[in-house]
PDB file of N, CA and C in Angstrom:
ATOM      1  N   MET A   1     -22.425  31.329 -71.142  1.00  0.00           N
ATOM      2  CA  MET A   1     -22.346  30.108 -70.368  1.00  0.00           C
ATOM      3  C   MET A   1     -23.167  30.302 -69.096  1.00  0.00           C
ATOM      4  N   ARG A   2     -23.978  29.304 -68.756  1.00  0.00           N
ATOM      5  CA  ARG A   2     -24.790  29.383 -67.538  1.00  0.00           C
ATOM      6  C   ARG A   2     -23.908  29.150 -66.319  1.00  0.00           C
ATOM      7  N   THR A   3     -24.130  29.950 -65.282  1.00  0.00           N
ATOM      8  CA  THR A   3     -23.356  29.786 -64.056  1.00  0.00           C
ATOM      9  C   THR A   3     -24.207  29.315 -62.889  1.00  0.00           C
ATOM     10  N   THR A   4     -25.511  29.248 -63.087  1.00  0.00           N
ATOM     11  CA  THR A   4     -26.406  28.719 -62.059  1.00  0.00           C
ATOM     12  C   THR A   4     -27.483  27.892 -62.732  1.00  0.00           C
ATOM     13  N   GLY A   5     -28.215  27.134 -61.951  1.00  0.00           N
ATOM     14  CA  GLY A   5     -29.305  26.325 -62.494  1.00  0.00           C
ATOM     15  C   GLY A   5     -28.863  24.907 -62.766  1.00  0.00           C
ATOM     16  N   ARG A   6     -29.816  24.089 -63.141  1.00  0.00           N
ATOM     17  CA  ARG A   6     -29.550  22.663 -63.332  1.00  0.00           C
ATOM     18  C   ARG A   6     -28.572  22.359 -64.452  1.00  0.00           C
ATOM     19  N   HIS A   7     -28.404  23.280 -65.372  1.00  0.00           N
ATOM     20  CA  HIS A   7     -27.512  23.032 -66.510  1.00  0.00           C
ATOM     21  C   HIS A   7     -26.274  23.920 -66.454  1.00  0.00           C
ATOM     22  N   ALA A   8     -25.887  24.313 -65.243  1.00  0.00           N
ATOM     23  CA  ALA A   8     -24.739  25.198 -65.071  1.00  0.00           C
ATOM     24  C   ALA A   8     -23.441  24.473 -65.382  1.00  0.00           C
ATOM     25  N   ALA A   9     -22.494  25.242 -65.844  1.00  0.00           N
ATOM     26  CA  ALA A   9     -21.153  24.707 -66.083  1.00  0.00           C
ATOM     27  C   ALA A   9     -20.282  25.057 -64.888  1.00  0.00           C
ATOM     28  N   VAL A  10     -19.393  24.165 -64.544  1.00  0.00           N
ATOM     29  CA  VAL A  10     -18.424  24.441 -63.492  1.00  0.00           C
ATOM     30  C   VAL A  10     -17.177  24.943 -64.190  1.00  0.00           C
ATOM     31  N   GLU A  11     -16.739  26.170 -63.835  1.00  0.00           N
ATOM     32  CA  GLU A  11     -15.603  26.778 -64.510  1.00  0.00           C
ATOM     33  C   GLU A  11     -14.359  26.736 -63.635  1.00  0.00           C
ATOM     34  N   THR A  12     -13.222  26.675 -64.291  1.00  0.00           N
ATOM     35  CA  THR A  12     -11.942  26.766 -63.599  1.00  0.00           C
ATOM     36  C   THR A  12     -10.982  27.531 -64.501  1.00  0.00           C
ATOM     37  N   ASP A  13     -10.041  28.254 -63.896  1.00  0.00           N
ATOM     38  CA  ASP A  13      -9.045  29.000 -64.665  1.00  0.00           C
ATOM     39  C   ASP A  13      -7.838  28.141 -65.012  1.00  0.00           C
ATOM     40  N   ASP A  14      -7.745  26.970 -64.420  1.00  0.00           N
ATOM     41  CA  ASP A  14      -6.611  26.079 -64.613  1.00  0.00           C
ATOM     42  C   ASP A  14      -6.860  25.182 -65.831  1.00  0.00           C
ATOM     43  N   ALA A  15      -6.137  25.427 -66.923  1.00  0.00           N
ATOM     44  CA  ALA A  15      -6.337  24.664 -68.161  1.00  0.00           C
ATOM     45  C   ALA A  15      -6.069  23.178 -67.957  1.00  0.00           C
ATOM     46  N   ASP A  16      -5.038  22.839 -67.176  1.00  0.00           N
ATOM     47  CA  ASP A  16      -4.741  21.431 -66.921  1.00  0.00           C
ATOM     48  C   ASP A  16      -5.868  20.768 -66.145  1.00  0.00           C
ATOM     49  N   ALA A  17      -6.426  21.466 -65.186  1.00  0.00           N
ATOM     50  CA  ALA A  17      -7.531  20.911 -64.391  1.00  0.00           C
ATOM     51  C   ALA A  17      -8.755  20.684 -65.269  1.00  0.00           C
ATOM     52  N   ARG A  18      -8.990  21.588 -66.211  1.00  0.00           N
ATOM     53  CA  ARG A  18     -10.152  21.432 -67.101  1.00  0.00           C
ATOM     54  C   ARG A  18     -10.018  20.183 -67.958  1.00  0.00           C
ATOM     55  N   THR A  19      -8.842  19.910 -68.457  1.00  0.00           N
ATOM     56  CA  THR A  19      -8.678  18.769 -69.349  1.00  0.00           C
ATOM     57  C   THR A  19      -8.537  17.459 -68.597  1.00  0.00           C
ATOM     58  N   ALA A  20      -8.013  17.505 -67.371  1.00  0.00           N
ATOM     59  CA  ALA A  20      -7.779  16.280 -66.615  1.00  0.00           C
ATOM     60  C   ALA A  20      -8.897  15.960 -65.631  1.00  0.00           C
ATOM     61  N   ALA A  21      -9.748  16.913 -65.357  1.00  0.00           N
ATOM     62  CA  ALA A  21     -10.787  16.722 -64.342  1.00  0.00           C
ATOM     63  C   ALA A  21     -11.849  15.739 -64.821  1.00  0.00           C
ATOM     64  N   LYS A  22     -12.348  14.972 -63.863  1.00  0.00           N
ATOM     65  CA  LYS A  22     -13.446  14.060 -64.188  1.00  0.00           C
ATOM     66  C   LYS A  22     -14.745  14.863 -64.225  1.00  0.00           C
ATOM     67  N   PRO A  23     -15.753  14.369 -64.907  1.00  0.00           N
ATOM     68  CA  PRO A  23     -17.046  15.059 -64.910  1.00  0.00           C
ATOM     69  C   PRO A  23     -17.594  15.146 -63.481  1.00  0.00           C
ATOM     70  N   THR A  24     -18.390  16.157 -63.211  1.00  0.00           N
ATOM     71  CA  THR A  24     -18.944  16.339 -61.873  1.00  0.00           C
ATOM     72  C   THR A  24     -20.321  15.709 -61.721  1.00  0.00           C
ATOM     73  N   ILE A  25     -20.885  15.247 -62.829  1.00  0.00           N
ATOM     74  CA  ILE A  25     -22.202  14.595 -62.821  1.00  0.00           C
ATOM     75  C   ILE A  25     -22.075  13.264 -63.546  1.00  0.00           C
ATOM     76  N   HIS A  26     -22.745  12.244 -63.039  1.00  0.00           N
ATOM     77  CA  HIS A  26     -22.685  10.905 -63.626  1.00  0.00           C
ATOM     78  C   HIS A  26     -24.100  10.375 -63.778  1.00  0.00           C
ATOM     79  N   LEU A  27     -24.365   9.717 -64.879  1.00  0.00           N
ATOM     80  CA  LEU A  27     -25.655   9.049 -65.068  1.00  0.00           C
ATOM     81  C   LEU A  27     -25.675   7.760 -64.257  1.00  0.00           C
ATOM     82  N   PRO A  28     -26.869   7.248 -63.937  1.00  0.00           N
ATOM     83  CA  PRO A  28     -26.943   6.007 -63.154  1.00  0.00           C
ATOM     84  C   PRO A  28     -26.259   4.839 -63.858  1.00  0.00           C
ATOM     85  N   LEU A  29     -25.779   3.908 -63.047  1.00  0.00           N
ATOM     86  CA  LEU A  29     -25.209   2.667 -63.559  1.00  0.00           C
ATOM     87  C   LEU A  29     -26.350   1.721 -63.918  1.00  0.00           C
ATOM     88  N   GLU A  30     -26.018   0.522 -64.348  1.00  0.00           N
ATOM     89  CA  GLU A  30     -27.048  -0.457 -64.691  1.00  0.00           C
ATOM     90  C   GLU A  30     -27.996  -0.676 -63.510  1.00  0.00           C
ATOM     91  N   ASP A  31     -27.437  -0.763 -62.307  1.00  0.00           N
ATOM     92  CA  ASP A  31     -28.249  -0.819 -61.086  1.00  0.00           C
ATOM     93  C   ASP A  31     -28.354   0.619 -60.575  1.00  0.00           C
ATOM     94  N   PRO A  32     -29.502   1.278 -60.750  1.00  0.00           N
ATOM     95  CA  PRO A  32     -29.617   2.697 -60.398  1.00  0.00           C
ATOM     96  C   PRO A  32     -29.450   2.991 -58.906  1.00  0.00           C
ATOM     97  N   ARG A  33     -29.486   1.964 -58.063  1.00  0.00           N
ATOM     98  CA  ARG A  33     -29.278   2.179 -56.620  1.00  0.00           C
ATOM     99  C   ARG A  33     -27.799   2.196 -56.266  1.00  0.00           C
ATOM    100  N   GLU A  34     -26.950   1.757 -57.187  1.00  0.00           N
ATOM    101  CA  GLU A  34     -25.507   1.693 -56.945  1.00  0.00           C
ATOM    102  C   GLU A  34     -24.853   3.025 -57.313  1.00  0.00           C
ATOM    103  N   ALA A  35     -24.143   3.597 -56.353  1.00  0.00           N
ATOM    104  CA  ALA A  35     -23.460   4.872 -56.600  1.00  0.00           C
ATOM    105  C   ALA A  35     -22.205   4.647 -57.435  1.00  0.00           C
ATOM    106  N   PRO A  36     -22.035   5.429 -58.507  1.00  0.00           N
ATOM    107  CA  PRO A  36     -20.773   5.360 -59.243  1.00  0.00           C
ATOM    108  C   PRO A  36     -19.638   5.828 -58.324  1.00  0.00           C
ATOM    109  N   GLU A  37     -18.472   5.239 -58.462  1.00  0.00           N
ATOM    110  CA  GLU A  37     -17.339   5.604 -57.611  1.00  0.00           C
ATOM    111  C   GLU A  37     -17.036   7.099 -57.733  1.00  0.00           C
ATOM    112  N   GLY A  38     -16.995   7.776 -56.590  1.00  0.00           N
ATOM    113  CA  GLY A  38     -16.692   9.203 -56.575  1.00  0.00           C
ATOM    114  C   GLY A  38     -17.897  10.106 -56.732  1.00  0.00           C
ATOM    115  N   TYR A  39     -19.101   9.529 -56.772  1.00  0.00           N
ATOM    116  CA  TYR A  39     -20.335  10.303 -56.944  1.00  0.00           C
ATOM    117  C   TYR A  39     -21.345   9.884 -55.866  1.00  0.00           C
ATOM    118  N   PRO A  40     -21.174  10.379 -54.640  1.00  0.00           N
ATOM    119  CA  PRO A  40     -22.016   9.915 -53.539  1.00  0.00           C
ATOM    120  C   PRO A  40     -23.370  10.607 -53.410  1.00  0.00           C
ATOM    121  N   VAL A  41     -23.599  11.692 -54.130  1.00  0.00           N
ATOM    122  CA  VAL A  41     -24.819  12.481 -53.951  1.00  0.00           C
ATOM    123  C   VAL A  41     -25.841  12.122 -55.025  1.00  0.00           C
ATOM    124  N   LYS A  42     -27.027  11.694 -54.571  1.00  0.00           N
ATOM    125  CA  LYS A  42     -28.114  11.334 -55.490  1.00  0.00           C
ATOM    126  C   LYS A  42     -28.881  12.582 -55.899  1.00  0.00           C
ATOM    127  N   GLY A  43     -29.215  12.680 -57.172  1.00  0.00           N
ATOM    128  CA  GLY A  43     -30.036  13.783 -57.657  1.00  0.00           C
ATOM    129  C   GLY A  43     -31.314  13.260 -58.272  1.00  0.00           C
ATOM    130  N   ASN A  44     -32.442  13.823 -57.850  1.00  0.00           N
ATOM    131  CA  ASN A  44     -33.735  13.477 -58.426  1.00  0.00           C
ATOM    132  C   ASN A  44     -34.180  14.679 -59.245  1.00  0.00           C
ATOM    133  N   ALA A  45     -33.996  14.598 -60.560  1.00  0.00           N
ATOM    134  CA  ALA A  45     -34.297  15.714 -61.449  1.00  0.00           C
ATOM    135  C   ALA A  45     -35.786  16.020 -61.509  1.00  0.00           C
ATOM    136  N   SER A  46     -36.623  15.025 -61.315  1.00  0.00           N
ATOM    137  CA  SER A  46     -38.070  15.237 -61.371  1.00  0.00           C
ATOM    138  C   SER A  46     -38.524  16.247 -60.323  1.00  0.00           C
ATOM    139  N   PHE A  47     -37.876  16.222 -59.155  1.00  0.00           N
ATOM    140  CA  PHE A  47     -38.255  17.112 -58.060  1.00  0.00           C
ATOM    141  C   PHE A  47     -37.199  18.174 -57.761  1.00  0.00           C
ATOM    142  N   GLY A  48     -36.039  18.087 -58.424  1.00  0.00           N
ATOM    143  CA  GLY A  48     -34.977  19.057 -58.192  1.00  0.00           C
ATOM    144  C   GLY A  48     -34.352  18.936 -56.812  1.00  0.00           C
ATOM    145  N   LEU A  49     -34.341  17.719 -56.273  1.00  0.00           N
ATOM    146  CA  LEU A  49     -33.800  17.476 -54.938  1.00  0.00           C
ATOM    147  C   LEU A  49     -32.530  16.641 -55.016  1.00  0.00           C
ATOM    148  N   TYR A  50     -31.659  16.823 -54.013  1.00  0.00           N
ATOM    149  CA  TYR A  50     -30.496  15.946 -53.905  1.00  0.00           C
ATOM    150  C   TYR A  50     -30.437  15.355 -52.509  1.00  0.00           C
ATOM    151  N   TYR A  51     -29.801  14.198 -52.415  1.00  0.00           N
ATOM    152  CA  TYR A  51     -29.699  13.438 -51.169  1.00  0.00           C
ATOM    153  C   TYR A  51     -28.242  13.070 -50.930  1.00  0.00           C
ATOM    154  N   THR A  52     -27.758  13.339 -49.728  1.00  0.00           N
ATOM    155  CA  THR A  52     -26.408  12.941 -49.345  1.00  0.00           C
ATOM    156  C   THR A  52     -26.497  11.609 -48.606  1.00  0.00           C
ATOM    157  N   PRO A  53     -25.386  10.887 -48.488  1.00  0.00           N
ATOM    158  CA  PRO A  53     -25.429   9.594 -47.792  1.00  0.00           C
ATOM    159  C   PRO A  53     -25.970   9.680 -46.362  1.00  0.00           C
ATOM    160  N   ASP A  54     -25.879  10.845 -45.729  1.00  0.00           N
ATOM    161  CA  ASP A  54     -26.418  10.984 -44.376  1.00  0.00           C
ATOM    162  C   ASP A  54     -27.879  11.441 -44.356  1.00  0.00           C
ATOM    163  N   SER A  55     -28.480  11.623 -45.543  1.00  0.00           N
ATOM    164  CA  SER A  55     -29.899  12.003 -45.620  1.00  0.00           C
ATOM    165  C   SER A  55     -30.775  10.855 -45.142  1.00  0.00           C
ATOM    166  N   LYS A  56     -31.821  11.198 -44.444  1.00  0.00           N
ATOM    167  CA  LYS A  56     -32.740  10.200 -43.894  1.00  0.00           C
ATOM    168  C   LYS A  56     -33.338   9.309 -44.996  1.00  0.00           C
ATOM    169  N   LEU A  57     -33.645   9.884 -46.146  1.00  0.00           N
ATOM    170  CA  LEU A  57     -34.300   9.144 -47.229  1.00  0.00           C
ATOM    171  C   LEU A  57     -33.337   8.688 -48.328  1.00  0.00           C
ATOM    172  N   TYR A  58     -32.038   8.751 -48.069  1.00  0.00           N
ATOM    173  CA  TYR A  58     -31.035   8.422 -49.092  1.00  0.00           C
ATOM    174  C   TYR A  58     -31.269   7.041 -49.705  1.00  0.00           C
ATOM    175  N   ASP A  59     -31.475   6.043 -48.864  1.00  0.00           N
ATOM    176  CA  ASP A  59     -31.630   4.676 -49.372  1.00  0.00           C
ATOM    177  C   ASP A  59     -32.899   4.496 -50.193  1.00  0.00           C
ATOM    178  N   ASP A  60     -33.928   5.286 -49.908  1.00  0.00           N
ATOM    179  CA  ASP A  60     -35.199   5.172 -50.622  1.00  0.00           C
ATOM    180  C   ASP A  60     -35.278   6.065 -51.856  1.00  0.00           C
ATOM    181  N   ALA A  61     -34.409   7.058 -51.935  1.00  0.00           N
ATOM    182  CA  ALA A  61     -34.466   8.030 -53.032  1.00  0.00           C
ATOM    183  C   ALA A  61     -34.022   7.394 -54.346  1.00  0.00           C
ATOM    184  N   PHE A  62     -34.716   7.759 -55.419  1.00  0.00           N
ATOM    185  CA  PHE A  62     -34.372   7.292 -56.760  1.00  0.00           C
ATOM    186  C   PHE A  62     -33.409   8.298 -57.386  1.00  0.00           C
ATOM    187  N   ALA A  63     -32.246   7.832 -57.791  1.00  0.00           N
ATOM    188  CA  ALA A  63     -31.239   8.714 -58.388  1.00  0.00           C
ATOM    189  C   ALA A  63     -31.386   8.735 -59.903  1.00  0.00           C
ATOM    190  N   GLU A  64     -31.696   9.905 -60.428  1.00  0.00           N
ATOM    191  CA  GLU A  64     -31.704  10.091 -61.879  1.00  0.00           C
ATOM    192  C   GLU A  64     -30.345  10.605 -62.345  1.00  0.00           C
ATOM    193  N   LEU A  65     -29.611  11.205 -61.410  1.00  0.00           N
ATOM    194  CA  LEU A  65     -28.256  11.702 -61.633  1.00  0.00           C
ATOM    195  C   LEU A  65     -27.457  11.472 -60.361  1.00  0.00           C
ATOM    196  N   TRP A  66     -26.150  11.405 -60.503  1.00  0.00           N
ATOM    197  CA  TRP A  66     -25.253  11.318 -59.348  1.00  0.00           C
ATOM    198  C   TRP A  66     -24.291  12.494 -59.432  1.00  0.00           C
ATOM    199  N   PHE A  67     -24.067  13.158 -58.295  1.00  0.00           N
ATOM    200  CA  PHE A  67     -23.179  14.316 -58.234  1.00  0.00           C
ATOM    201  C   PHE A  67     -21.922  13.981 -57.438  1.00  0.00           C
ATOM    202  N   ALA A  68     -20.826  14.635 -57.811  1.00  0.00           N
ATOM    203  CA  ALA A  68     -19.566  14.443 -57.104  1.00  0.00           C
ATOM    204  C   ALA A  68     -19.593  15.091 -55.718  1.00  0.00           C
ATOM    205  N   SER A  69     -20.440  16.102 -55.528  1.00  0.00           N
ATOM    206  CA  SER A  69     -20.507  16.792 -54.232  1.00  0.00           C
ATOM    207  C   SER A  69     -21.827  17.547 -54.103  1.00  0.00           C
ATOM    208  N   GLU A  70     -22.104  17.986 -52.883  1.00  0.00           N
ATOM    209  CA  GLU A  70     -23.281  18.831 -52.650  1.00  0.00           C
ATOM    210  C   GLU A  70     -23.149  20.144 -53.412  1.00  0.00           C
ATOM    211  N   GLU A  71     -21.935  20.679 -53.469  1.00  0.00           N
ATOM    212  CA  GLU A  71     -21.707  21.943 -54.162  1.00  0.00           C
ATOM    213  C   GLU A  71     -22.115  21.842 -55.630  1.00  0.00           C
ATOM    214  N   VAL A  72     -21.788  20.731 -56.256  1.00  0.00           N
ATOM    215  CA  VAL A  72     -22.155  20.531 -57.662  1.00  0.00           C
ATOM    216  C   VAL A  72     -23.673  20.437 -57.792  1.00  0.00           C
ATOM    217  N   ALA A  73     -24.309  19.727 -56.882  1.00  0.00           N
ATOM    218  CA  ALA A  73     -25.772  19.612 -56.914  1.00  0.00           C
ATOM    219  C   ALA A  73     -26.414  20.991 -56.791  1.00  0.00           C
ATOM    220  N   ARG A  74     -25.944  21.791 -55.834  1.00  0.00           N
ATOM    221  CA  ARG A  74     -26.511  23.137 -55.642  1.00  0.00           C
ATOM    222  C   ARG A  74     -26.231  24.030 -56.845  1.00  0.00           C
ATOM    223  N   ALA A  75     -25.034  23.938 -57.410  1.00  0.00           N
ATOM    224  CA  ALA A  75     -24.686  24.761 -58.572  1.00  0.00           C
ATOM    225  C   ALA A  75     -25.574  24.448 -59.767  1.00  0.00           C
ATOM    226  N   ASN A  76     -26.144  23.253 -59.769  1.00  0.00           N
ATOM    227  CA  ASN A  76     -27.024  22.851 -60.859  1.00  0.00           C
ATOM    228  C   ASN A  76     -28.497  23.018 -60.510  1.00  0.00           C
ATOM    229  N   GLY A  77     -28.769  23.785 -59.463  1.00  0.00           N
ATOM    230  CA  GLY A  77     -30.137  24.154 -59.125  1.00  0.00           C
ATOM    231  C   GLY A  77     -30.896  23.172 -58.262  1.00  0.00           C
ATOM    232  N   PHE A  78     -30.222  22.165 -57.734  1.00  0.00           N
ATOM    233  CA  PHE A  78     -30.890  21.186 -56.881  1.00  0.00           C
ATOM    234  C   PHE A  78     -30.907  21.686 -55.437  1.00  0.00           C
ATOM    235  N   ILE A  79     -31.919  21.281 -54.701  1.00  0.00           N
ATOM    236  CA  ILE A  79     -32.110  21.666 -53.304  1.00  0.00           C
ATOM    237  C   ILE A  79     -31.973  20.416 -52.449  1.00  0.00           C
ATOM    238  N   LYS A  80     -31.326  20.555 -51.285  1.00  0.00           N
ATOM    239  CA  LYS A  80     -31.147  19.403 -50.399  1.00  0.00           C
ATOM    240  C   LYS A  80     -32.495  18.943 -49.859  1.00  0.00           C
ATOM    241  N   ALA A  81     -32.748  17.649 -49.982  1.00  0.00           N
ATOM    242  CA  ALA A  81     -33.988  17.066 -49.466  1.00  0.00           C
ATOM    243  C   ALA A  81     -33.958  17.093 -47.947  1.00  0.00           C
ATOM    244  N   ARG A  82     -35.123  17.221 -47.369  1.00  0.00           N
ATOM    245  CA  ARG A  82     -35.210  17.245 -45.893  1.00  0.00           C
ATOM    246  C   ARG A  82     -35.408  15.879 -45.342  1.00  0.00           C
TER     247      ARG A  82
END
């Protein structure tokens, strides 16, 4: 199982958490500018960058993926955009 990189799995020792937990990555909605509920971090897979709501370019960034947190974005090999 991969533990780093864009295709890393997030592991937990809690069996209940594994079965009840929501996915940590979400594909874009019909309107790709709209954040899915609970997924505030935009990921641009083409460049391997992620944007948080406080990022200067957040509103202009194209989201190919949405992450539940910065930690999830980093665990999947994405770098915070400047």
